[in-house]
């Protein structure tokens, strides 16, 4: 067989052998759209929220995960009663809660790609996402930060007249790895958005961590039976979050004279 034919045959054989992906060729799943429509409850909530966005005037939107969805819970015992907090801070502001239990940055990217930032023009969009990246997906800060940046980029594209209030990933007590990656993520977000005029980054770590120690009393997970790793703020802590970001939201919504009921 002639040499050129041998070379051509060898080339074809080598091309057919699967190659290990290089670091440059790997897809960062944290920054890619991933659907959860195979889950019936998630699909139902997505469809209900899509109808709510079409049905109502929208001036304020919260995008997030279970921490955001908690605002909709109204039930005894008191450590699960969040709805009055939403009413106090966002009632009458044409606000929509787009928090979904268990969502990561990838799931929020999918939701934005599929209508949750289309056909609306809110004055403010609040984003609280990233905690679940460190859970089951186990995506480190190096992947989570680009995922959060992609969420912000998509919102900027879809909502060019909307001010974005980006909140830090909240501290938790799940593992040393999670705590480390949470801190690295928040430091990177501070550096990325500190000088931004359209993205208002607010680090909430100081609410939960005092003198380097996490305040366990600010998490409701300890009330579960059996107790779960600390992740979700109590209603009192959720109120502290809302109070901390309220001056920024009021300024951006131009309703600084609004009186908050006690």
C-alpha atoms as a PDB file:
ATOM      1  CA  UNK A   1       0.000   0.000   0.000  1.00  0.00           C
ATOM      2  CA  UNK A   2       1.341   3.431  -0.884  1.00  0.00           C
ATOM      3  CA  UNK A   3       2.599   5.597   1.972  1.00  0.00           C
ATOM      4  CA  UNK A   4       0.015   8.331   1.425  1.00  0.00           C
ATOM      5  CA  UNK A   5      -2.788   5.789   1.638  1.00  0.00           C
ATOM      6  CA  UNK A   6      -1.347   4.389   4.862  1.00  0.00           C
ATOM      7  CA  UNK A   7      -1.090   7.911   6.302  1.00  0.00           C
ATOM      8  CA  UNK A   8      -4.679   8.676   5.285  1.00  0.00           C
ATOM      9  CA  UNK A   9      -5.934   5.441   6.871  1.00  0.00           C
ATOM     10  CA  UNK A  10      -4.057   6.117  10.095  1.00  0.00           C
ATOM     11  CA  UNK A  11      -5.440   9.648  10.167  1.00  0.00           C
ATOM     12  CA  UNK A  12      -9.006   8.396   9.836  1.00  0.00           C
ATOM     13  CA  UNK A  13      -8.499   5.809  12.576  1.00  0.00           C
ATOM     14  CA  UNK A  14      -7.040   8.362  14.958  1.00  0.00           C
ATOM     15  CA  UNK A  15      -9.893  10.776  14.274  1.00  0.00           C
ATOM     16  CA  UNK A  16     -12.403   8.076  15.173  1.00  0.00           C
ATOM     17  CA  UNK A  17     -10.871   7.473  18.606  1.00  0.00           C
ATOM     18  CA  UNK A  18     -12.699   9.537  21.314  1.00  0.00           C
ATOM     19  CA  UNK A  19     -10.392  12.132  22.771  1.00  0.00           C
ATOM     20  CA  UNK A  20     -10.385  13.175  26.413  1.00  0.00           C
ATOM     21  CA  UNK A  21     -11.817  16.705  26.725  1.00  0.00           C
ATOM     22  CA  UNK A  22      -9.284  19.405  27.431  1.00  0.00           C
ATOM     23  CA  UNK A  23      -9.818  22.105  30.042  1.00  0.00           C
ATOM     24  CA  UNK A  24     -10.494  24.591  27.259  1.00  0.00           C
ATOM     25  CA  UNK A  25     -13.126  22.368  25.599  1.00  0.00           C
ATOM     26  CA  UNK A  26     -15.161  21.482  28.697  1.00  0.00           C
ATOM     27  CA  UNK A  27     -18.558  23.132  28.999  1.00  0.00           C
ATOM     28  CA  UNK A  28     -19.128  24.978  32.259  1.00  0.00           C
ATOM     29  CA  UNK A  29     -22.523  23.569  33.200  1.00  0.00           C
ATOM     30  CA  UNK A  30     -22.993  26.277  35.842  1.00  0.00           C
ATOM     31  CA  UNK A  31     -23.147  28.826  33.010  1.00  0.00           C
ATOM     32  CA  UNK A  32     -25.282  26.716  30.652  1.00  0.00           C
ATOM     33  CA  UNK A  33     -29.096  26.444  30.543  1.00  0.00           C
ATOM     34  CA  UNK A  34     -30.392  23.325  32.297  1.00  0.00           C
ATOM     35  CA  UNK A  35     -34.121  22.587  32.493  1.00  0.00           C
ATOM     36  CA  UNK A  36     -35.970  20.916  35.346  1.00  0.00           C
ATOM     37  CA  UNK A  37     -39.215  20.565  33.400  1.00  0.00           C
ATOM     38  CA  UNK A  38     -39.108  16.807  33.982  1.00  0.00           C
ATOM     39  CA  UNK A  39     -40.158  17.542  37.572  1.00  0.00           C
ATOM     40  CA  UNK A  40     -43.957  17.990  37.641  1.00  0.00           C
ATOM     41  CA  UNK A  41     -43.988  20.451  40.573  1.00  0.00           C
ATOM     42  CA  UNK A  42     -41.246  22.545  38.989  1.00  0.00           C
ATOM     43  CA  UNK A  43     -43.014  22.603  35.620  1.00  0.00           C
ATOM     44  CA  UNK A  44     -46.270  23.619  37.297  1.00  0.00           C
ATOM     45  CA  UNK A  45     -44.585  26.466  39.175  1.00  0.00           C
ATOM     46  CA  UNK A  46     -42.810  27.630  36.023  1.00  0.00           C
ATOM     47  CA  UNK A  47     -46.100  27.719  34.113  1.00  0.00           C
ATOM     48  CA  UNK A  48     -47.925  29.482  36.959  1.00  0.00           C
ATOM     49  CA  UNK A  49     -45.209  32.115  37.233  1.00  0.00           C
ATOM     50  CA  UNK A  50     -45.225  32.638  33.477  1.00  0.00           C
ATOM     51  CA  UNK A  51     -48.963  33.347  33.680  1.00  0.00           C
ATOM     52  CA  UNK A  52     -48.418  35.704  36.631  1.00  0.00           C
ATOM     53  CA  UNK A  53     -45.826  37.689  34.675  1.00  0.00           C
ATOM     54  CA  UNK A  54     -48.269  38.068  31.789  1.00  0.00           C
ATOM     55  CA  UNK A  55     -51.233  38.868  34.005  1.00  0.00           C
ATOM     56  CA  UNK A  56     -49.855  41.557  36.285  1.00  0.00           C
ATOM     57  CA  UNK A  57     -47.913  44.774  36.089  1.00  0.00           C
ATOM     58  CA  UNK A  58     -44.330  44.015  37.087  1.00  0.00           C
ATOM     59  CA  UNK A  59     -42.116  46.656  38.711  1.00  0.00           C
ATOM     60  CA  UNK A  60     -39.956  44.411  40.889  1.00  0.00           C
ATOM     61  CA  UNK A  61     -38.769  40.822  40.420  1.00  0.00           C
ATOM     62  CA  UNK A  62     -36.851  38.508  42.738  1.00  0.00           C
ATOM     63  CA  UNK A  63     -34.945  35.771  40.898  1.00  0.00           C
ATOM     64  CA  UNK A  64     -33.636  32.951  43.078  1.00  0.00           C
ATOM     65  CA  UNK A  65     -33.932  29.559  44.683  1.00  0.00           C
ATOM     66  CA  UNK A  66     -35.657  28.240  47.836  1.00  0.00           C
ATOM     67  CA  UNK A  67     -34.469  31.198  49.928  1.00  0.00           C
ATOM     68  CA  UNK A  68     -36.473  33.472  47.644  1.00  0.00           C
ATOM     69  CA  UNK A  69     -39.429  31.091  47.316  1.00  0.00           C
ATOM     70  CA  UNK A  70     -39.660  31.046  51.125  1.00  0.00           C
ATOM     71  CA  UNK A  71     -41.238  34.506  50.946  1.00  0.00           C
ATOM     72  CA  UNK A  72     -44.449  32.770  49.825  1.00  0.00           C
ATOM     73  CA  UNK A  73     -44.748  30.549  52.906  1.00  0.00           C
ATOM     74  CA  UNK A  74     -47.400  31.506  55.428  1.00  0.00           C
ATOM     75  CA  UNK A  75     -47.944  28.874  58.065  1.00  0.00           C
ATOM     76  CA  UNK A  76     -47.376  28.077  61.692  1.00  0.00           C
ATOM     77  CA  UNK A  77     -44.949  27.606  63.326  1.00  0.00           C
ATOM     78  CA  UNK A  78     -43.546  31.150  63.326  1.00  0.00           C
ATOM     79  CA  UNK A  79     -40.193  30.030  61.895  1.00  0.00           C
ATOM     80  CA  UNK A  80     -41.971  29.254  58.619  1.00  0.00           C
ATOM     81  CA  UNK A  81     -44.086  32.412  58.387  1.00  0.00           C
ATOM     82  CA  UNK A  82     -42.469  34.529  55.650  1.00  0.00           C
ATOM     83  CA  UNK A  83     -45.413  35.983  53.722  1.00  0.00           C
ATOM     84  CA  UNK A  84     -45.835  39.007  56.045  1.00  0.00           C
ATOM     85  CA  UNK A  85     -42.235  39.997  55.286  1.00  0.00           C
ATOM     86  CA  UNK A  86     -42.908  40.039  51.550  1.00  0.00           C
ATOM     87  CA  UNK A  87     -46.075  42.026  52.135  1.00  0.00           C
ATOM     88  CA  UNK A  88     -44.267  44.538  54.355  1.00  0.00           C
ATOM     89  CA  UNK A  89     -41.439  45.262  51.946  1.00  0.00           C
ATOM     90  CA  UNK A  90     -42.921  44.509  48.527  1.00  0.00           C
ATOM     91  CA  UNK A  91     -46.689  44.660  48.882  1.00  0.00           C
ATOM     92  CA  UNK A  92     -48.079  47.340  46.602  1.00  0.00           C
ATOM     93  CA  UNK A  93     -44.885  47.430  44.570  1.00  0.00           C
ATOM     94  CA  UNK A  94     -46.108  45.087  41.820  1.00  0.00           C
ATOM     95  CA  UNK A  95     -43.510  42.518  42.835  1.00  0.00           C
ATOM     96  CA  UNK A  96     -43.191  38.931  41.577  1.00  0.00           C
ATOM     97  CA  UNK A  97     -41.400  36.108  43.382  1.00  0.00           C
ATOM     98  CA  UNK A  98     -39.451  33.905  40.958  1.00  0.00           C
ATOM     99  CA  UNK A  99     -37.730  31.701  43.503  1.00  0.00           C
ATOM    100  CA  UNK A 100     -37.601  27.944  42.792  1.00  0.00           C
ATOM    101  CA  UNK A 101     -36.551  25.357  45.374  1.00  0.00           C
ATOM    102  CA  UNK A 102     -33.275  23.678  44.441  1.00  0.00           C
ATOM    103  CA  UNK A 103     -32.416  25.881  41.477  1.00  0.00           C
ATOM    104  CA  UNK A 104     -28.808  26.505  40.528  1.00  0.00           C
ATOM    105  CA  UNK A 105     -27.424  29.200  38.247  1.00  0.00           C
ATOM    106  CA  UNK A 106     -27.940  26.817  35.318  1.00  0.00           C
ATOM    107  CA  UNK A 107     -31.645  26.410  36.071  1.00  0.00           C
ATOM    108  CA  UNK A 108     -32.141  30.160  36.403  1.00  0.00           C
ATOM    109  CA  UNK A 109     -30.343  30.683  33.090  1.00  0.00           C
ATOM    110  CA  UNK A 110     -32.815  28.264  31.490  1.00  0.00           C
ATOM    111  CA  UNK A 111     -35.769  30.106  33.024  1.00  0.00           C
ATOM    112  CA  UNK A 112     -34.518  33.457  31.741  1.00  0.00           C
ATOM    113  CA  UNK A 113     -33.969  31.929  28.299  1.00  0.00           C
ATOM    114  CA  UNK A 114     -37.545  30.631  28.370  1.00  0.00           C
ATOM    115  CA  UNK A 115     -39.534  33.720  29.198  1.00  0.00           C
ATOM    116  CA  UNK A 116     -38.953  34.881  32.766  1.00  0.00           C
ATOM    117  CA  UNK A 117     -37.376  38.100  31.538  1.00  0.00           C
ATOM    118  CA  UNK A 118     -39.451  38.568  28.389  1.00  0.00           C
ATOM    119  CA  UNK A 119     -42.404  40.872  27.880  1.00  0.00           C
ATOM    120  CA  UNK A 120     -41.719  42.744  31.134  1.00  0.00           C
ATOM    121  CA  UNK A 121     -39.725  45.819  32.052  1.00  0.00           C
ATOM    122  CA  UNK A 122     -39.431  46.004  35.845  1.00  0.00           C
ATOM    123  CA  UNK A 123     -37.688  48.879  37.530  1.00  0.00           C
ATOM    124  CA  UNK A 124     -35.585  46.498  39.647  1.00  0.00           C
ATOM    125  CA  UNK A 125     -34.546  42.852  39.471  1.00  0.00           C
ATOM    126  CA  UNK A 126     -33.097  41.274  42.625  1.00  0.00           C
ATOM    127  CA  UNK A 127     -30.886  38.212  42.091  1.00  0.00           C
ATOM    128  CA  UNK A 128     -30.004  35.739  44.853  1.00  0.00           C
ATOM    129  CA  UNK A 129     -28.555  32.577  43.315  1.00  0.00           C
ATOM    130  CA  UNK A 130     -25.596  30.239  43.622  1.00  0.00           C
ATOM    131  CA  UNK A 131     -26.001  28.396  46.937  1.00  0.00           C
ATOM    132  CA  UNK A 132     -27.267  25.236  45.247  1.00  0.00           C
ATOM    133  CA  UNK A 133     -24.260  25.163  42.924  1.00  0.00           C
ATOM    134  CA  UNK A 134     -22.263  24.027  45.955  1.00  0.00           C
ATOM    135  CA  UNK A 135     -24.738  21.278  46.794  1.00  0.00           C
ATOM    136  CA  UNK A 136     -25.493  18.287  44.576  1.00  0.00           C
ATOM    137  CA  UNK A 137     -23.878  19.745  41.400  1.00  0.00           C
ATOM    138  CA  UNK A 138     -20.715  20.485  43.436  1.00  0.00           C
ATOM    139  CA  UNK A 139     -19.618  23.273  41.108  1.00  0.00           C
ATOM    140  CA  UNK A 140     -16.742  25.264  42.639  1.00  0.00           C
ATOM    141  CA  UNK A 141     -16.382  29.039  42.700  1.00  0.00           C
ATOM    142  CA  UNK A 142     -14.375  28.946  39.457  1.00  0.00           C
ATOM    143  CA  UNK A 143     -17.518  27.658  37.700  1.00  0.00           C
ATOM    144  CA  UNK A 144     -20.174  29.326  39.840  1.00  0.00           C
ATOM    145  CA  UNK A 145     -18.897  32.874  39.319  1.00  0.00           C
ATOM    146  CA  UNK A 146     -19.208  32.624  35.509  1.00  0.00           C
ATOM    147  CA  UNK A 147     -22.679  31.136  36.063  1.00  0.00           C
ATOM    148  CA  UNK A 148     -23.775  34.155  38.092  1.00  0.00           C
ATOM    149  CA  UNK A 149     -22.160  36.467  35.546  1.00  0.00           C
ATOM    150  CA  UNK A 150     -24.142  34.731  32.797  1.00  0.00           C
ATOM    151  CA  UNK A 151     -27.367  35.290  34.750  1.00  0.00           C
ATOM    152  CA  UNK A 152     -26.527  38.994  34.996  1.00  0.00           C
ATOM    153  CA  UNK A 153     -25.563  39.192  31.315  1.00  0.00           C
ATOM    154  CA  UNK A 154     -28.840  37.631  30.220  1.00  0.00           C
ATOM    155  CA  UNK A 155     -30.864  39.969  32.427  1.00  0.00           C
ATOM    156  CA  UNK A 156     -28.948  42.931  31.014  1.00  0.00           C
ATOM    157  CA  UNK A 157     -29.784  41.751  27.484  1.00  0.00           C
ATOM    158  CA  UNK A 158     -33.457  41.031  28.190  1.00  0.00           C
ATOM    159  CA  UNK A 159     -34.099  43.918  30.599  1.00  0.00           C
ATOM    160  CA  UNK A 160     -31.970  46.830  29.354  1.00  0.00           C
ATOM    161  CA  UNK A 161     -33.933  49.407  31.375  1.00  0.00           C
ATOM    162  CA  UNK A 162     -33.963  47.423  34.620  1.00  0.00           C
ATOM    163  CA  UNK A 163     -31.564  48.008  37.507  1.00  0.00           C
ATOM    164  CA  UNK A 164     -30.087  44.762  38.818  1.00  0.00           C
ATOM    165  CA  UNK A 165     -29.491  44.250  42.528  1.00  0.00           C
ATOM    166  CA  UNK A 166     -27.151  41.283  42.850  1.00  0.00           C
ATOM    167  CA  UNK A 167     -26.893  39.728  46.306  1.00  0.00           C
ATOM    168  CA  UNK A 168     -23.982  37.683  47.595  1.00  0.00           C
ATOM    169  CA  UNK A 169     -24.284  33.950  48.085  1.00  0.00           C
ATOM    170  CA  UNK A 170     -25.373  33.600  51.693  1.00  0.00           C
ATOM    171  CA  UNK A 171     -23.031  31.873  54.152  1.00  0.00           C
ATOM    172  CA  UNK A 172     -24.085  28.459  55.411  1.00  0.00           C
ATOM    173  CA  UNK A 173     -22.861  25.615  57.560  1.00  0.00           C
ATOM    174  CA  UNK A 174     -22.653  22.660  55.223  1.00  0.00           C
ATOM    175  CA  UNK A 175     -18.937  21.898  54.833  1.00  0.00           C
ATOM    176  CA  UNK A 176     -15.553  23.598  54.844  1.00  0.00           C
ATOM    177  CA  UNK A 177     -15.496  23.251  51.041  1.00  0.00           C
ATOM    178  CA  UNK A 178     -18.824  25.055  50.690  1.00  0.00           C
ATOM    179  CA  UNK A 179     -17.772  27.845  53.035  1.00  0.00           C
ATOM    180  CA  UNK A 180     -14.497  28.339  51.194  1.00  0.00           C
ATOM    181  CA  UNK A 181     -16.130  28.451  47.765  1.00  0.00           C
ATOM    182  CA  UNK A 182     -18.864  30.774  49.022  1.00  0.00           C
ATOM    183  CA  UNK A 183     -16.223  33.238  50.255  1.00  0.00           C
ATOM    184  CA  UNK A 184     -14.224  33.000  47.012  1.00  0.00           C
ATOM    185  CA  UNK A 185     -17.374  33.528  44.948  1.00  0.00           C
ATOM    186  CA  UNK A 186     -18.411  36.614  46.902  1.00  0.00           C
ATOM    187  CA  UNK A 187     -14.925  38.110  46.720  1.00  0.00           C
ATOM    188  CA  UNK A 188     -14.932  37.626  42.943  1.00  0.00           C
ATOM    189  CA  UNK A 189     -18.377  39.201  42.599  1.00  0.00           C
ATOM    190  CA  UNK A 190     -17.270  42.184  44.674  1.00  0.00           C
ATOM    191  CA  UNK A 191     -14.292  42.703  42.384  1.00  0.00           C
ATOM    192  CA  UNK A 192     -16.382  42.188  39.233  1.00  0.00           C
ATOM    193  CA  UNK A 193     -19.250  44.556  40.058  1.00  0.00           C
ATOM    194  CA  UNK A 194     -17.808  47.088  42.495  1.00  0.00           C
ATOM    195  CA  UNK A 195     -17.578  49.792  39.838  1.00  0.00           C
ATOM    196  CA  UNK A 196     -20.717  48.840  37.898  1.00  0.00           C
ATOM    197  CA  UNK A 197     -23.408  51.470  37.413  1.00  0.00           C
ATOM    198  CA  UNK A 198     -26.094  49.033  36.304  1.00  0.00           C
ATOM    199  CA  UNK A 199     -25.438  46.114  38.657  1.00  0.00           C
ATOM    200  CA  UNK A 200     -25.673  46.984  42.339  1.00  0.00           C
ATOM    201  CA  UNK A 201     -23.837  44.277  44.281  1.00  0.00           C
ATOM    202  CA  UNK A 202     -24.629  43.907  47.988  1.00  0.00           C
ATOM    203  CA  UNK A 203     -22.661  41.511  50.201  1.00  0.00           C
ATOM    204  CA  UNK A 204     -24.912  40.225  52.993  1.00  0.00           C
ATOM    205  CA  UNK A 205     -22.294  38.120  54.759  1.00  0.00           C
ATOM    206  CA  UNK A 206     -22.083  40.545  57.670  1.00  0.00           C
ATOM    207  CA  UNK A 207     -25.665  39.809  58.660  1.00  0.00           C
ATOM    208  CA  UNK A 208     -24.837  36.168  59.351  1.00  0.00           C
ATOM    209  CA  UNK A 209     -21.172  36.204  60.351  1.00  0.00           C
ATOM    210  CA  UNK A 210     -19.900  38.161  63.352  1.00  0.00           C
ATOM    211  CA  UNK A 211     -16.216  38.103  64.354  1.00  0.00           C
ATOM    212  CA  UNK A 212     -15.714  35.166  62.020  1.00  0.00           C
ATOM    213  CA  UNK A 213     -18.493  33.095  63.599  1.00  0.00           C
ATOM    214  CA  UNK A 214     -21.719  32.060  61.883  1.00  0.00           C
ATOM    215  CA  UNK A 215     -24.834  33.001  63.872  1.00  0.00           C
ATOM    216  CA  UNK A 216     -26.715  29.695  64.012  1.00  0.00           C
ATOM    217  CA  UNK A 217     -29.857  31.350  65.374  1.00  0.00           C
ATOM    218  CA  UNK A 218     -30.479  32.985  61.980  1.00  0.00           C
ATOM    219  CA  UNK A 219     -31.167  29.680  60.181  1.00  0.00           C
ATOM    220  CA  UNK A 220     -34.387  27.710  60.269  1.00  0.00           C
ATOM    221  CA  UNK A 221     -32.856  24.370  59.245  1.00  0.00           C
ATOM    222  CA  UNK A 222     -32.043  23.654  62.899  1.00  0.00           C
ATOM    223  CA  UNK A 223     -35.791  23.362  63.603  1.00  0.00           C
ATOM    224  CA  UNK A 224     -36.281  20.414  61.263  1.00  0.00           C
ATOM    225  CA  UNK A 225     -36.485  16.924  62.672  1.00  0.00           C
ATOM    226  CA  UNK A 226     -33.809  15.780  62.327  1.00  0.00           C
ATOM    227  CA  UNK A 227     -31.942  19.109  61.972  1.00  0.00           C
ATOM    228  CA  UNK A 228     -30.442  19.828  58.557  1.00  0.00           C
ATOM    229  CA  UNK A 229     -27.266  21.709  57.594  1.00  0.00           C
ATOM    230  CA  UNK A 230     -27.746  25.438  58.076  1.00  0.00           C
ATOM    231  CA  UNK A 231     -28.699  27.127  54.801  1.00  0.00           C
ATOM    232  CA  UNK A 232     -32.093  28.874  54.927  1.00  0.00           C
ATOM    233  CA  UNK A 233     -32.589  32.155  56.838  1.00  0.00           C
ATOM    234  CA  UNK A 234     -35.308  32.402  59.461  1.00  0.00           C
ATOM    235  CA  UNK A 235     -38.059  35.000  58.986  1.00  0.00           C
ATOM    236  CA  UNK A 236     -36.089  37.304  61.297  1.00  0.00           C
ATOM    237  CA  UNK A 237     -32.971  36.924  59.149  1.00  0.00           C
ATOM    238  CA  UNK A 238     -35.015  37.347  55.970  1.00  0.00           C
ATOM    239  CA  UNK A 239     -36.324  40.606  57.404  1.00  0.00           C
ATOM    240  CA  UNK A 240     -32.746  41.712  58.027  1.00  0.00           C
ATOM    241  CA  UNK A 241     -31.894  40.969  54.397  1.00  0.00           C
ATOM    242  CA  UNK A 242     -34.832  43.030  53.145  1.00  0.00           C
ATOM    243  CA  UNK A 243     -33.979  45.896  55.472  1.00  0.00           C
ATOM    244  CA  UNK A 244     -30.340  45.871  54.343  1.00  0.00           C
ATOM    245  CA  UNK A 245     -31.186  46.147  50.646  1.00  0.00           C
ATOM    246  CA  UNK A 246     -34.240  48.405  51.050  1.00  0.00           C
ATOM    247  CA  UNK A 247     -32.355  51.736  50.698  1.00  0.00           C
ATOM    248  CA  UNK A 248     -30.927  50.590  47.359  1.00  0.00           C
ATOM    249  CA  UNK A 249     -34.262  49.288  46.096  1.00  0.00           C
ATOM    250  CA  UNK A 250     -36.132  52.395  47.208  1.00  0.00           C
ATOM    251  CA  UNK A 251     -33.595  54.596  45.445  1.00  0.00           C
ATOM    252  CA  UNK A 252     -33.797  52.594  42.222  1.00  0.00           C
ATOM    253  CA  UNK A 253     -37.589  52.426  42.316  1.00  0.00           C
ATOM    254  CA  UNK A 254     -37.821  56.117  43.168  1.00  0.00           C
ATOM    255  CA  UNK A 255     -40.118  55.528  46.134  1.00  0.00           C
ATOM    256  CA  UNK A 256     -37.848  56.513  49.008  1.00  0.00           C
ATOM    257  CA  UNK A 257     -40.725  58.234  50.780  1.00  0.00           C
ATOM    258  CA  UNK A 258     -42.634  54.978  51.014  1.00  0.00           C
ATOM    259  CA  UNK A 259     -43.556  54.105  54.585  1.00  0.00           C
ATOM    260  CA  UNK A 260     -42.998  50.513  55.620  1.00  0.00           C
ATOM    261  CA  UNK A 261     -45.609  49.101  58.001  1.00  0.00           C
ATOM    262  CA  UNK A 262     -44.199  47.630  61.197  1.00  0.00           C
END
